[in-house]
Amino acid sequence: MPNYYFAVASQNFLLYEEPIEEILRERTDYYKGINKDIDFWLITNPNFINLPQFKSIKAQLINPCAAIISLDGQFIQWLKLRIGFVAIGNFESQLLQSQRS
């Protein structure tokens, strides 16, 4: 089962207060340059945040929230350092794998 890593924060913070569009565009261009498939997604109102193991993270969030999900844990760690005010974590999901195919 694939392991997904995430950075989550309020939609307002991720979409309007931080240059997330620029960050993701640069990452996409980098991936194209090295011929690598995109392994990250920006999702608004992510359902996974309602899982019991993320109860403490959800309690810290201002609704609505948004998340960047990736198969690359180092990318999510870098995002945490780059934009700061996000919660990070990871989860396994077969469901996401089947939706991506």
PDB file of N, CA and C in Angstrom:
ATOM      1  N   MET A   1       0.847  -1.165   0.000  1.00  0.00           N
ATOM      2  CA  MET A   1       0.000   0.000   0.000  1.00  0.00           C
ATOM      3  C   MET A   1       0.906   1.247   0.000  1.00  0.00           C
ATOM      4  N   PRO A   2       0.645   2.199  -0.891  1.00  0.00           N
ATOM      5  CA  PRO A   2       1.492   3.389  -0.976  1.00  0.00           C
ATOM      6  C   PRO A   2       1.390   4.278   0.266  1.00  0.00           C
ATOM      7  N   ASN A   3       2.498   4.918   0.586  1.00  0.00           N
ATOM      8  CA  ASN A   3       2.548   5.865   1.690  1.00  0.00           C
ATOM      9  C   ASN A   3       2.481   7.270   1.105  1.00  0.00           C
ATOM     10  N   TYR A   4       1.528   8.051   1.570  1.00  0.00           N
ATOM     11  CA  TYR A   4       1.349   9.430   1.125  1.00  0.00           C
ATOM     12  C   TYR A   4       1.747  10.366   2.253  1.00  0.00           C
ATOM     13  N   TYR A   5       2.436  11.414   1.895  1.00  0.00           N
ATOM     14  CA  TYR A   5       2.869  12.432   2.842  1.00  0.00           C
ATOM     15  C   TYR A   5       2.069  13.693   2.546  1.00  0.00           C
ATOM     16  N   PHE A   6       1.817  14.485   3.569  1.00  0.00           N
ATOM     17  CA  PHE A   6       1.004  15.670   3.337  1.00  0.00           C
ATOM     18  C   PHE A   6       1.457  16.853   4.179  1.00  0.00           C
ATOM     19  N   ALA A   7       1.133  18.034   3.645  1.00  0.00           N
ATOM     20  CA  ALA A   7       1.235  19.301   4.365  1.00  0.00           C
ATOM     21  C   ALA A   7      -0.155  19.907   4.266  1.00  0.00           C
ATOM     22  N   VAL A   8      -0.734  20.268   5.409  1.00  0.00           N
ATOM     23  CA  VAL A   8      -2.103  20.776   5.422  1.00  0.00           C
ATOM     24  C   VAL A   8      -2.170  22.073   6.228  1.00  0.00           C
ATOM     25  N   ALA A   9      -3.027  22.976   5.765  1.00  0.00           N
ATOM     26  CA  ALA A   9      -3.242  24.258   6.440  1.00  0.00           C
ATOM     27  C   ALA A   9      -4.586  24.802   5.974  1.00  0.00           C
ATOM     28  N   SER A  10      -4.944  25.960   6.459  1.00  0.00           N
ATOM     29  CA  SER A  10      -6.192  26.572   5.996  1.00  0.00           C
ATOM     30  C   SER A  10      -6.057  26.906   4.509  1.00  0.00           C
ATOM     31  N   GLN A  11      -7.185  26.860   3.801  1.00  0.00           N
ATOM     32  CA  GLN A  11      -7.170  27.208   2.381  1.00  0.00           C
ATOM     33  C   GLN A  11      -6.667  28.627   2.191  1.00  0.00           C
ATOM     34  N   ASN A  12      -7.117  29.538   3.037  1.00  0.00           N
ATOM     35  CA  ASN A  12      -6.702  30.925   2.910  1.00  0.00           C
ATOM     36  C   ASN A  12      -5.181  31.045   2.981  1.00  0.00           C
ATOM     37  N   PHE A  13      -4.572  30.360   3.929  1.00  0.00           N
ATOM     38  CA  PHE A  13      -3.127  30.425   4.080  1.00  0.00           C
ATOM     39  C   PHE A  13      -2.421  29.826   2.864  1.00  0.00           C
ATOM     40  N   LEU A  14      -2.789  28.598   2.497  1.00  0.00           N
ATOM     41  CA  LEU A  14      -2.089  27.931   1.399  1.00  0.00           C
ATOM     42  C   LEU A  14      -2.342  28.590   0.048  1.00  0.00           C
ATOM     43  N   LEU A  15      -3.557  29.003  -0.205  1.00  0.00           N
ATOM     44  CA  LEU A  15      -3.894  29.488  -1.537  1.00  0.00           C
ATOM     45  C   LEU A  15      -3.676  30.986  -1.736  1.00  0.00           C
ATOM     46  N   TYR A  16      -3.692  31.763  -0.663  1.00  0.00           N
ATOM     47  CA  TYR A  16      -3.630  33.214  -0.838  1.00  0.00           C
ATOM     48  C   TYR A  16      -2.470  33.892  -0.107  1.00  0.00           C
ATOM     49  N   GLU A  17      -2.060  33.358   1.027  1.00  0.00           N
ATOM     50  CA  GLU A  17      -1.009  34.023   1.798  1.00  0.00           C
ATOM     51  C   GLU A  17       0.394  33.541   1.437  1.00  0.00           C
ATOM     52  N   GLU A  18       0.497  32.356   0.905  1.00  0.00           N
ATOM     53  CA  GLU A  18       1.790  31.791   0.532  1.00  0.00           C
ATOM     54  C   GLU A  18       1.878  31.652  -0.989  1.00  0.00           C
ATOM     55  N   PRO A  19       3.086  31.703  -1.532  1.00  0.00           N
ATOM     56  CA  PRO A  19       3.237  31.594  -2.993  1.00  0.00           C
ATOM     57  C   PRO A  19       3.196  30.136  -3.459  1.00  0.00           C
ATOM     58  N   ILE A  20       2.173  29.407  -3.033  1.00  0.00           N
ATOM     59  CA  ILE A  20       2.121  27.970  -3.307  1.00  0.00           C
ATOM     60  C   ILE A  20       2.029  27.672  -4.803  1.00  0.00           C
ATOM     61  N   GLU A  21       1.327  28.534  -5.544  1.00  0.00           N
ATOM     62  CA  GLU A  21       1.239  28.326  -6.992  1.00  0.00           C
ATOM     63  C   GLU A  21       2.636  28.353  -7.622  1.00  0.00           C
ATOM     64  N   GLU A  22       3.424  29.324  -7.217  1.00  0.00           N
ATOM     65  CA  GLU A  22       4.784  29.447  -7.730  1.00  0.00           C
ATOM     66  C   GLU A  22       5.638  28.242  -7.325  1.00  0.00           C
ATOM     67  N   ILE A  23       5.515  27.832  -6.082  1.00  0.00           N
ATOM     68  CA  ILE A  23       6.282  26.684  -5.592  1.00  0.00           C
ATOM     69  C   ILE A  23       5.944  25.427  -6.383  1.00  0.00           C
ATOM     70  N   LEU A  24       4.655  25.164  -6.581  1.00  0.00           N
ATOM     71  CA  LEU A  24       4.241  23.954  -7.309  1.00  0.00           C
ATOM     72  C   LEU A  24       4.578  24.053  -8.792  1.00  0.00           C
ATOM     73  N   ARG A  25       4.495  25.238  -9.356  1.00  0.00           N
ATOM     74  CA  ARG A  25       4.865  25.421 -10.769  1.00  0.00           C
ATOM     75  C   ARG A  25       6.362  25.139 -10.955  1.00  0.00           C
ATOM     76  N   GLU A  26       7.196  25.654 -10.051  1.00  0.00           N
ATOM     77  CA  GLU A  26       8.637  25.398 -10.130  1.00  0.00           C
ATOM     78  C   GLU A  26       8.937  23.909  -9.976  1.00  0.00           C
ATOM     79  N   ARG A  27       8.224  23.264  -9.066  1.00  0.00           N
ATOM     80  CA  ARG A  27       8.427  21.827  -8.867  1.00  0.00           C
ATOM     81  C   ARG A  27       8.018  21.045 -10.117  1.00  0.00           C
ATOM     82  N   THR A  28       6.899  21.443 -10.735  1.00  0.00           N
ATOM     83  CA  THR A  28       6.437  20.796 -11.958  1.00  0.00           C
ATOM     84  C   THR A  28       7.465  20.971 -13.075  1.00  0.00           C
ATOM     85  N   ASP A  29       7.977  22.186 -13.236  1.00  0.00           N
ATOM     86  CA  ASP A  29       8.992  22.439 -14.262  1.00  0.00           C
ATOM     87  C   ASP A  29      10.247  21.614 -14.008  1.00  0.00           C
ATOM     88  N   TYR A  30      10.642  21.517 -12.740  1.00  0.00           N
ATOM     89  CA  TYR A  30      11.804  20.697 -12.392  1.00  0.00           C
ATOM     90  C   TYR A  30      11.573  19.239 -12.778  1.00  0.00           C
ATOM     91  N   TYR A  31      10.408  18.710 -12.446  1.00  0.00           N
ATOM     92  CA  TYR A  31      10.084  17.321 -12.789  1.00  0.00           C
ATOM     93  C   TYR A  31      10.094  17.104 -14.300  1.00  0.00           C
ATOM     94  N   LYS A  32       9.552  18.057 -15.042  1.00  0.00           N
ATOM     95  CA  LYS A  32       9.572  17.947 -16.517  1.00  0.00           C
ATOM     96  C   LYS A  32      11.006  17.924 -17.016  1.00  0.00           C
ATOM     97  N   GLY A  33      11.852  18.745 -16.425  1.00  0.00           N
ATOM     98  CA  GLY A  33      13.247  18.820 -16.828  1.00  0.00           C
ATOM     99  C   GLY A  33      14.021  17.536 -16.609  1.00  0.00           C
ATOM    100  N   ILE A  34      13.654  16.797 -15.580  1.00  0.00           N
ATOM    101  CA  ILE A  34      14.350  15.526 -15.307  1.00  0.00           C
ATOM    102  C   ILE A  34      13.513  14.323 -15.745  1.00  0.00           C
ATOM    103  N   ASN A  35      12.419  14.602 -16.463  1.00  0.00           N
ATOM    104  CA  ASN A  35      11.562  13.547 -17.019  1.00  0.00           C
ATOM    105  C   ASN A  35      10.968  12.649 -15.929  1.00  0.00           C
ATOM    106  N   LYS A  36      10.470  13.264 -14.866  1.00  0.00           N
ATOM    107  CA  LYS A  36       9.880  12.538 -13.744  1.00  0.00           C
ATOM    108  C   LYS A  36       8.379  12.801 -13.708  1.00  0.00           C
ATOM    109  N   ASP A  37       7.604  11.755 -13.410  1.00  0.00           N
ATOM    110  CA  ASP A  37       6.154  11.906 -13.286  1.00  0.00           C
ATOM    111  C   ASP A  37       5.813  12.745 -12.058  1.00  0.00           C
ATOM    112  N   ILE A  38       4.741  13.524 -12.176  1.00  0.00           N
ATOM    113  CA  ILE A  38       4.259  14.331 -11.053  1.00  0.00           C
ATOM    114  C   ILE A  38       3.804  13.390  -9.941  1.00  0.00           C
ATOM    115  N   ASP A  39       4.281  13.624  -8.737  1.00  0.00           N
ATOM    116  CA  ASP A  39       3.920  12.761  -7.601  1.00  0.00           C
ATOM    117  C   ASP A  39       3.365  13.597  -6.439  1.00  0.00           C
ATOM    118  N   PHE A  40       2.735  14.734  -6.779  1.00  0.00           N
ATOM    119  CA  PHE A  40       2.141  15.576  -5.751  1.00  0.00           C
ATOM    120  C   PHE A  40       0.856  16.186  -6.295  1.00  0.00           C
ATOM    121  N   TRP A  41      -0.032  16.543  -5.361  1.00  0.00           N
ATOM    122  CA  TRP A  41      -1.342  17.077  -5.712  1.00  0.00           C
ATOM    123  C   TRP A  41      -1.752  18.111  -4.686  1.00  0.00           C
ATOM    124  N   LEU A  42      -2.437  19.150  -5.134  1.00  0.00           N
ATOM    125  CA  LEU A  42      -3.040  20.135  -4.245  1.00  0.00           C
ATOM    126  C   LEU A  42      -4.525  19.798  -4.158  1.00  0.00           C
ATOM    127  N   ILE A  43      -5.007  19.585  -2.946  1.00  0.00           N
ATOM    128  CA  ILE A  43      -6.393  19.176  -2.736  1.00  0.00           C
ATOM    129  C   ILE A  43      -7.050  20.123  -1.738  1.00  0.00           C
ATOM    130  N   THR A  44      -8.239  20.596  -2.087  1.00  0.00           N
ATOM    131  CA  THR A  44      -9.004  21.393  -1.130  1.00  0.00           C
ATOM    132  C   THR A  44      -9.981  20.475  -0.407  1.00  0.00           C
ATOM    133  N   ASN A  45     -10.250  20.783   0.836  1.00  0.00           N
ATOM    134  CA  ASN A  45     -11.147  19.992   1.690  1.00  0.00           C
ATOM    135  C   ASN A  45     -10.819  18.497   1.657  1.00  0.00           C
ATOM    136  N   PRO A  46      -9.587  18.128   2.006  1.00  0.00           N
ATOM    137  CA  PRO A  46      -9.196  16.715   1.942  1.00  0.00           C
ATOM    138  C   PRO A  46      -9.962  15.858   2.955  1.00  0.00           C
ATOM    139  N   ASN A  47     -10.444  14.727   2.500  1.00  0.00           N
ATOM    140  CA  ASN A  47     -11.194  13.809   3.371  1.00  0.00           C
ATOM    141  C   ASN A  47     -10.311  13.095   4.383  1.00  0.00           C
ATOM    142  N   PHE A  48      -9.057  12.843   4.038  1.00  0.00           N
ATOM    143  CA  PHE A  48      -8.205  12.071   4.939  1.00  0.00           C
ATOM    144  C   PHE A  48      -8.041  12.747   6.292  1.00  0.00           C
ATOM    145  N   ILE A  49      -8.211  14.058   6.361  1.00  0.00           N
ATOM    146  CA  ILE A  49      -8.021  14.780   7.618  1.00  0.00           C
ATOM    147  C   ILE A  49      -9.058  14.372   8.659  1.00  0.00           C
ATOM    148  N   ASN A  50     -10.142  13.733   8.221  1.00  0.00           N
ATOM    149  CA  ASN A  50     -11.178  13.256   9.139  1.00  0.00           C
ATOM    150  C   ASN A  50     -10.859  11.896   9.747  1.00  0.00           C
ATOM    151  N   LEU A  51      -9.754  11.270   9.342  1.00  0.00           N
ATOM    152  CA  LEU A  51      -9.365   9.985   9.931  1.00  0.00           C
ATOM    153  C   LEU A  51      -9.020  10.184  11.407  1.00  0.00           C
ATOM    154  N   PRO A  52      -9.325   9.188  12.225  1.00  0.00           N
ATOM    155  CA  PRO A  52      -9.092   9.328  13.674  1.00  0.00           C
ATOM    156  C   PRO A  52      -7.661   9.709  14.053  1.00  0.00           C
ATOM    157  N   GLN A  53      -6.681   9.220  13.320  1.00  0.00           N
ATOM    158  CA  GLN A  53      -5.291   9.508  13.684  1.00  0.00           C
ATOM    159  C   GLN A  53      -4.899  10.974  13.457  1.00  0.00           C
ATOM    160  N   PHE A  54      -5.739  11.731  12.747  1.00  0.00           N
ATOM    161  CA  PHE A  54      -5.439  13.139  12.503  1.00  0.00           C
ATOM    162  C   PHE A  54      -6.341  14.081  13.293  1.00  0.00           C
ATOM    163  N   LYS A  55      -6.960  13.557  14.335  1.00  0.00           N
ATOM    164  CA  LYS A  55      -7.868  14.365  15.154  1.00  0.00           C
ATOM    165  C   LYS A  55      -7.169  15.607  15.719  1.00  0.00           C
ATOM    166  N   SER A  56      -5.953  15.454  16.195  1.00  0.00           N
ATOM    167  CA  SER A  56      -5.244  16.594  16.784  1.00  0.00           C
ATOM    168  C   SER A  56      -4.850  17.623  15.721  1.00  0.00           C
ATOM    169  N   ILE A  57      -4.503  17.167  14.534  1.00  0.00           N
ATOM    170  CA  ILE A  57      -4.184  18.092  13.447  1.00  0.00           C
ATOM    171  C   ILE A  57      -5.444  18.838  13.026  1.00  0.00           C
ATOM    172  N   LYS A  58      -6.548  18.110  12.866  1.00  0.00           N
ATOM    173  CA  LYS A  58      -7.802  18.734  12.443  1.00  0.00           C
ATOM    174  C   LYS A  58      -8.240  19.811  13.440  1.00  0.00           C
ATOM    175  N   ALA A  59      -8.019  19.562  14.713  1.00  0.00           N
ATOM    176  CA  ALA A  59      -8.417  20.527  15.743  1.00  0.00           C
ATOM    177  C   ALA A  59      -7.651  21.849  15.615  1.00  0.00           C
ATOM    178  N   GLN A  60      -6.471  21.806  15.017  1.00  0.00           N
ATOM    179  CA  GLN A  60      -5.653  23.009  14.856  1.00  0.00           C
ATOM    180  C   GLN A  60      -6.001  23.800  13.598  1.00  0.00           C
ATOM    181  N   LEU A  61      -6.745  23.184  12.684  1.00  0.00           N
ATOM    182  CA  LEU A  61      -7.006  23.798  11.387  1.00  0.00           C
ATOM    183  C   LEU A  61      -8.206  24.725  11.407  1.00  0.00           C
ATOM    184  N   ILE A  62      -8.105  25.749  10.609  1.00  0.00           N
ATOM    185  CA  ILE A  62      -9.239  26.625  10.360  1.00  0.00           C
ATOM    186  C   ILE A  62      -9.890  26.109   9.082  1.00  0.00           C
ATOM    187  N   ASN A  63     -11.185  25.820   9.159  1.00  0.00           N
ATOM    188  CA  ASN A  63     -11.885  25.327   7.972  1.00  0.00           C
ATOM    189  C   ASN A  63     -12.214  26.465   7.048  1.00  0.00           C
ATOM    190  N   PRO A  64     -12.260  26.257   5.769  1.00  0.00           N
ATOM    191  CA  PRO A  64     -11.884  25.042   5.060  1.00  0.00           C
ATOM    192  C   PRO A  64     -10.364  24.922   4.981  1.00  0.00           C
ATOM    193  N   CYS A  65      -9.903  23.707   4.745  1.00  0.00           N
ATOM    194  CA  CYS A  65      -8.466  23.487   4.670  1.00  0.00           C
ATOM    195  C   CYS A  65      -8.078  22.987   3.276  1.00  0.00           C
ATOM    196  N   ALA A  66      -6.797  22.971   3.048  1.00  0.00           N
ATOM    197  CA  ALA A  66      -6.233  22.473   1.793  1.00  0.00           C
ATOM    198  C   ALA A  66      -4.974  21.700   2.140  1.00  0.00           C
ATOM    199  N   ALA A  67      -4.603  20.772   1.263  1.00  0.00           N
ATOM    200  CA  ALA A  67      -3.423  19.955   1.518  1.00  0.00           C
ATOM    201  C   ALA A  67      -2.641  19.741   0.236  1.00  0.00           C
ATOM    202  N   ILE A  68      -1.357  19.599   0.405  1.00  0.00           N
ATOM    203  CA  ILE A  68      -0.492  19.134  -0.668  1.00  0.00           C
ATOM    204  C   ILE A  68      -0.107  17.726  -0.269  1.00  0.00           C
ATOM    205  N   ILE A  69      -0.405  16.790  -1.135  1.00  0.00           N
ATOM    206  CA  ILE A  69      -0.127  15.379  -0.888  1.00  0.00           C
ATOM    207  C   ILE A  69       0.941  14.940  -1.870  1.00  0.00           C
ATOM    208  N   SER A  70       1.873  14.129  -1.408  1.00  0.00           N
ATOM    209  CA  SER A  70       2.958  13.676  -2.271  1.00  0.00           C
ATOM    210  C   SER A  70       3.396  12.270  -1.886  1.00  0.00           C
ATOM    211  N   LEU A  71       4.013  11.606  -2.831  1.00  0.00           N
ATOM    212  CA  LEU A  71       4.653  10.319  -2.551  1.00  0.00           C
ATOM    213  C   LEU A  71       6.082  10.529  -2.030  1.00  0.00           C
ATOM    214  N   ASP A  72       6.539  11.764  -2.069  1.00  0.00           N
ATOM    215  CA  ASP A  72       7.904  12.122  -1.690  1.00  0.00           C
ATOM    216  C   ASP A  72       7.912  12.826  -0.329  1.00  0.00           C
ATOM    217  N   GLY A  73       8.295  12.102   0.695  1.00  0.00           N
ATOM    218  CA  GLY A  73       8.330  12.657   2.039  1.00  0.00           C
ATOM    219  C   GLY A  73       9.309  13.809   2.187  1.00  0.00           C
ATOM    220  N   GLN A  74      10.417  13.776   1.454  1.00  0.00           N
ATOM    221  CA  GLN A  74      11.391  14.863   1.535  1.00  0.00           C
ATOM    222  C   GLN A  74      10.822  16.160   0.979  1.00  0.00           C
ATOM    223  N   PHE A  75       9.990  16.065  -0.054  1.00  0.00           N
ATOM    224  CA  PHE A  75       9.345  17.259  -0.607  1.00  0.00           C
ATOM    225  C   PHE A  75       8.435  17.898   0.444  1.00  0.00           C
ATOM    226  N   ILE A  76       7.682  17.084   1.157  1.00  0.00           N
ATOM    227  CA  ILE A  76       6.783  17.613   2.190  1.00  0.00           C
ATOM    228  C   ILE A  76       7.589  18.229   3.331  1.00  0.00           C
ATOM    229  N   GLN A  77       8.691  17.603   3.715  1.00  0.00           N
ATOM    230  CA  GLN A  77       9.569  18.185   4.739  1.00  0.00           C
ATOM    231  C   GLN A  77      10.112  19.536   4.275  1.00  0.00           C
ATOM    232  N   TRP A  78      10.506  19.625   3.004  1.00  0.00           N
ATOM    233  CA  TRP A  78      11.007  20.869   2.448  1.00  0.00           C
ATOM    234  C   TRP A  78       9.910  21.935   2.476  1.00  0.00           C
ATOM    235  N   LEU A  79       8.664  21.549   2.106  1.00  0.00           N
ATOM    236  CA  LEU A  79       7.547  22.501   2.158  1.00  0.00           C
ATOM    237  C   LEU A  79       7.358  23.048   3.570  1.00  0.00           C
ATOM    238  N   LYS A  80       7.450  22.170   4.557  1.00  0.00           N
ATOM    239  CA  LYS A  80       7.305  22.588   5.955  1.00  0.00           C
ATOM    240  C   LYS A  80       8.344  23.656   6.301  1.00  0.00           C
ATOM    241  N   LEU A  81       9.564  23.445   5.853  1.00  0.00           N
ATOM    242  CA  LEU A  81      10.624  24.423   6.098  1.00  0.00           C
ATOM    243  C   LEU A  81      10.399  25.696   5.292  1.00  0.00           C
ATOM    244  N   ARG A  82       9.898  25.550   4.080  1.00  0.00           N
ATOM    245  CA  ARG A  82       9.719  26.695   3.167  1.00  0.00           C
ATOM    246  C   ARG A  82       8.564  27.598   3.578  1.00  0.00           C
ATOM    247  N   ILE A  83       7.412  26.994   3.922  1.00  0.00           N
ATOM    248  CA  ILE A  83       6.242  27.831   4.211  1.00  0.00           C
ATOM    249  C   ILE A  83       5.846  27.837   5.683  1.00  0.00           C
ATOM    250  N   GLY A  84       6.439  26.968   6.463  1.00  0.00           N
ATOM    251  CA  GLY A  84       6.298  27.065   7.905  1.00  0.00           C
ATOM    252  C   GLY A  84       4.994  26.624   8.529  1.00  0.00           C
ATOM    253  N   PHE A  85       3.978  27.423   8.436  1.00  0.00           N
ATOM    254  CA  PHE A  85       2.768  27.204   9.221  1.00  0.00           C
ATOM    255  C   PHE A  85       1.833  26.157   8.607  1.00  0.00           C
ATOM    256  N   VAL A  86       2.339  24.943   8.485  1.00  0.00           N
ATOM    257  CA  VAL A  86       1.543  23.815   8.005  1.00  0.00           C
ATOM    258  C   VAL A  86       1.759  22.653   8.956  1.00  0.00           C
ATOM    259  N   ALA A  87       0.783  21.773   9.010  1.00  0.00           N
ATOM    260  CA  ALA A  87       0.946  20.519   9.752  1.00  0.00           C
ATOM    261  C   ALA A  87       1.312  19.459   8.726  1.00  0.00           C
ATOM    262  N   ILE A  88       2.196  18.558   9.103  1.00  0.00           N
ATOM    263  CA  ILE A  88       2.593  17.502   8.187  1.00  0.00           C
ATOM    264  C   ILE A  88       2.324  16.143   8.807  1.00  0.00           C
ATOM    265  N   GLY A  89       2.240  15.153   7.953  1.00  0.00           N
ATOM    266  CA  GLY A  89       2.015  13.789   8.409  1.00  0.00           C
ATOM    267  C   GLY A  89       2.039  12.847   7.233  1.00  0.00           C
ATOM    268  N   ASN A  90       1.642  11.629   7.488  1.00  0.00           N
ATOM    269  CA  ASN A  90       1.575  10.651   6.409  1.00  0.00           C
ATOM    270  C   ASN A  90       0.519   9.601   6.710  1.00  0.00           C
ATOM    271  N   PHE A  91       0.106   8.923   5.664  1.00  0.00           N
ATOM    272  CA  PHE A  91      -0.870   7.848   5.787  1.00  0.00           C
ATOM    273  C   PHE A  91      -0.720   6.906   4.601  1.00  0.00           C
ATOM    274  N   GLU A  92      -1.226   5.695   4.771  1.00  0.00           N
ATOM    275  CA  GLU A  92      -1.255   4.728   3.684  1.00  0.00           C
ATOM    276  C   GLU A  92      -2.662   4.659   3.140  1.00  0.00           C
ATOM    277  N   SER A  93      -2.770   4.481   1.819  1.00  0.00           N
ATOM    278  CA  SER A  93      -4.095   4.390   1.224  1.00  0.00           C
ATOM    279  C   SER A  93      -4.066   3.613  -0.076  1.00  0.00           C
ATOM    280  N   GLN A  94      -4.780   2.546  -0.105  1.00  0.00           N
ATOM    281  CA  GLN A  94      -4.969   1.813  -1.351  1.00  0.00           C
ATOM    282  C   GLN A  94      -5.974   2.545  -2.217  1.00  0.00           C
ATOM    283  N   LEU A  95      -6.939   3.208  -1.591  1.00  0.00           N
ATOM    284  CA  LEU A  95      -7.978   3.927  -2.317  1.00  0.00           C
ATOM    285  C   LEU A  95      -7.377   5.006  -3.210  1.00  0.00           C
ATOM    286  N   LEU A  96      -6.450   5.804  -2.695  1.00  0.00           N
ATOM    287  CA  LEU A  96      -5.833   6.829  -3.522  1.00  0.00           C
ATOM    288  C   LEU A  96      -5.068   6.221  -4.677  1.00  0.00           C
ATOM    289  N   GLN A  97      -4.421   5.103  -4.453  1.00  0.00           N
ATOM    290  CA  GLN A  97      -3.680   4.428  -5.513  1.00  0.00           C
ATOM    291  C   GLN A  97      -4.615   4.053  -6.655  1.00  0.00           C
ATOM    292  N   SER A  98      -5.776   3.496  -6.333  1.00  0.00           N
ATOM    293  CA  SER A  98      -6.715   3.076  -7.369  1.00  0.00           C
ATOM    294  C   SER A  98      -7.324   4.283  -8.075  1.00  0.00           C
ATOM    295  N   GLN A  99      -7.481   5.414  -7.397  1.00  0.00           N
ATOM    296  CA  GLN A  99      -8.017   6.606  -8.036  1.00  0.00           C
ATOM    297  C   GLN A  99      -7.015   7.254  -8.962  1.00  0.00           C
ATOM    298  N   ARG A 100      -5.733   7.085  -8.697  1.00  0.00           N
ATOM    299  CA  ARG A 100      -4.689   7.678  -9.532  1.00  0.00           C
ATOM    300  C   ARG A 100      -4.493   6.896 -10.807  1.00  0.00           C
ATOM    301  N   SER A 101      -4.802   5.620 -10.809  1.00  0.00           N
ATOM    302  CA  SER A 101      -4.539   4.766 -11.974  1.00  0.00           C
ATOM    303  C   SER A 101      -5.451   5.080 -13.129  1.00  0.00           C
TER     304      SER A 101
END
